[in-house]
Protein backbone atom coordinates (compact mmCIF):
# COMPACT_ATOMS: atom_id res chain seq x y z
CA MET A 1 8.98 26.61 4.26
CA GLU A 2 11.03 23.85 5.91
CA ASP A 3 11.81 22.76 9.44
CA THR A 4 14.64 20.53 10.61
CA LYS A 5 12.66 17.27 10.72
CA ASN A 6 9.83 17.46 8.21
CA LYS A 7 8.92 19.44 5.15
CA VAL A 8 6.13 21.94 5.82
CA PHE A 9 3.84 22.98 2.99
CA VAL A 10 1.64 26.07 2.96
CA HIS A 11 -1.26 26.03 0.50
CA ASP A 12 -3.36 29.01 -0.56
CA HIS A 13 -6.37 27.85 -2.53
CA GLY A 14 -7.07 31.40 -3.72
CA ASP A 15 -10.49 31.45 -2.11
CA GLY A 16 -9.38 32.54 1.34
CA HIS A 17 -8.68 28.92 2.36
CA VAL A 18 -5.04 28.69 3.47
CA HIS A 19 -3.62 25.76 5.38
CA THR A 20 -0.34 24.06 6.21
CA HIS A 21 0.61 20.46 6.69
CA VAL A 22 3.74 18.52 7.42
CA ILE A 23 4.86 15.67 5.19
CA GLY A 24 5.74 12.63 7.25
CA GLN A 25 3.39 13.48 10.11
CA THR A 26 -0.01 11.84 10.48
CA HIS A 27 -3.13 13.60 11.62
CA ASP A 28 -5.33 10.52 11.73
CA GLY A 29 -2.94 7.57 11.99
CA HIS A 30 -4.05 6.15 8.64
CA HIS A 31 -1.87 7.79 6.04
CA PRO A 32 1.66 8.78 6.89
CA ASN A 33 2.37 11.10 3.95
CA HIS A 34 -0.71 13.19 3.25
CA SER A 35 -3.05 15.22 5.40
CA HIS A 36 -6.66 15.66 4.41
CA THR A 37 -7.96 19.17 4.14
CA HIS A 38 -11.60 19.58 3.21
CA ASP A 39 -14.19 22.29 2.94
CA PRO A 40 -16.01 22.00 6.30
CA GLN A 41 -19.36 23.00 4.75
CA LYS A 42 -19.11 20.30 2.10
CA ILE A 43 -18.14 17.67 4.66
CA LYS A 44 -21.07 18.72 6.85
CA ALA A 45 -23.41 18.37 3.87
CA ILE A 46 -22.01 14.90 3.18
CA MET A 47 -22.47 13.90 6.81
CA ASN A 48 -26.07 15.17 6.69
CA ARG A 49 -26.70 13.00 3.64
CA ILE A 50 -25.28 9.99 5.48
CA SER A 51 -27.56 10.73 8.45
CA ARG A 52 -30.56 10.85 6.10
CA SER A 53 -29.51 7.51 4.58
CA ILE A 54 -29.23 5.99 8.06
CA GLY A 55 -32.72 7.27 8.86
CA HIS A 56 -33.99 5.87 5.61
CA MET A 57 -32.46 2.47 6.43
CA GLU A 58 -34.14 2.52 9.85
CA SER A 59 -37.46 3.11 8.08
CA ILE A 60 -36.78 0.17 5.78
CA LYS A 61 -36.00 -2.01 8.79
CA LYS A 62 -39.36 -1.03 10.29
CA MET A 63 -41.06 -1.83 6.99
CA LEU A 64 -39.64 -5.36 7.23
CA GLU A 65 -40.63 -5.66 10.89
CA ASN A 66 -44.16 -4.63 9.93
CA GLN A 67 -44.17 -7.15 7.08
CA ARG A 68 -44.66 -4.56 4.38
CA ASP A 69 -44.80 -5.66 0.78
CA CYS A 70 -41.38 -6.81 -0.48
CA ALA A 71 -41.73 -4.74 -3.65
CA ASP A 72 -42.11 -1.59 -1.53
CA VAL A 73 -39.05 -2.54 0.52
CA LEU A 74 -36.99 -3.15 -2.63
CA ILE A 75 -38.01 0.26 -4.01
CA GLN A 76 -36.87 1.91 -0.78
CA LEU A 77 -33.59 -0.03 -0.83
CA ALA A 78 -32.99 1.21 -4.38
CA ALA A 79 -33.57 4.76 -3.15
CA VAL A 80 -31.01 4.31 -0.36
CA ARG A 81 -28.51 2.83 -2.79
CA ALA A 82 -28.92 5.91 -5.01
CA GLU A 83 -28.51 8.19 -1.95
CA ILE A 84 -25.30 6.42 -0.96
CA ASN A 85 -23.90 6.50 -4.51
CA ASN A 86 -24.61 10.23 -4.79
CA THR A 87 -23.00 10.83 -1.39
CA GLY A 88 -19.95 8.88 -2.54
CA LYS A 89 -19.73 11.01 -5.68
CA LEU A 90 -19.81 14.20 -3.58
CA LEU A 91 -17.07 12.87 -1.30
CA LEU A 92 -15.00 11.83 -4.30
CA LYS A 93 -15.31 15.31 -5.84
CA GLU A 94 -14.38 16.96 -2.53
CA HIS A 95 -11.39 14.66 -2.12
CA MET A 96 -10.18 15.32 -5.65
CA GLU A 97 -10.56 19.10 -5.28
CA HIS A 98 -8.39 19.20 -2.19
CA CYS A 99 -6.43 16.10 -1.27
CA ILE A 100 -5.58 14.76 -4.69
CA VAL A 101 -4.55 18.21 -5.93
CA GLU A 102 -2.21 18.41 -2.94
CA ALA A 103 -0.95 14.87 -3.52
CA VAL A 104 -0.07 15.71 -7.12
CA GLN A 105 1.67 18.92 -6.04
CA GLU A 106 3.68 16.92 -3.50
CA ASN A 107 4.24 13.97 -5.84
CA ASP A 108 2.59 11.74 -3.23
CA GLN A 109 2.15 8.61 -5.35
CA GLU A 110 0.89 6.60 -2.37
CA ALA A 111 -2.10 8.94 -1.89
CA ILE A 112 -2.90 8.73 -5.60
CA THR A 113 -2.64 4.93 -5.57
CA ARG A 114 -4.89 4.71 -2.49
CA MET A 115 -7.46 6.94 -4.18
CA ASN A 116 -7.43 4.79 -7.31
CA GLN A 117 -7.99 1.70 -5.16
CA ALA A 118 -10.87 3.41 -3.34
CA ILE A 119 -12.48 4.41 -6.65
CA ASP A 120 -12.22 0.82 -7.88
CA MET A 121 -13.91 -0.46 -4.72
CA PHE A 122 -16.60 2.23 -4.79
CA MET A 123 -17.45 1.56 -8.44
CA LYS A 124 -17.96 -2.21 -8.00
């Protein structure tokens, strides 16, 4: 479907998830050509993981304040790093399932380029 100013896309993911977005209109001020549509349950799960990581980091900070053994602190830091990497993988999968599929359908090369740059930074 089209309007007079912008192209409107309607997507049916086949699982009951239908949404529309307008090319050329931002929803977050960061990307002018592509709206992000995610599974709210998956995003909530990712946010919960981030909250757990923050809590874990607070515990590590207290370990340092209490002068706990450095080896114990390093082990806990490694655990947080693994938590963060796994959370990033979940977000990447979610983004690819929704946003990148849409970007390919819309031939939005900018969104694909930005994702490739983000993957490069995440994998460093």
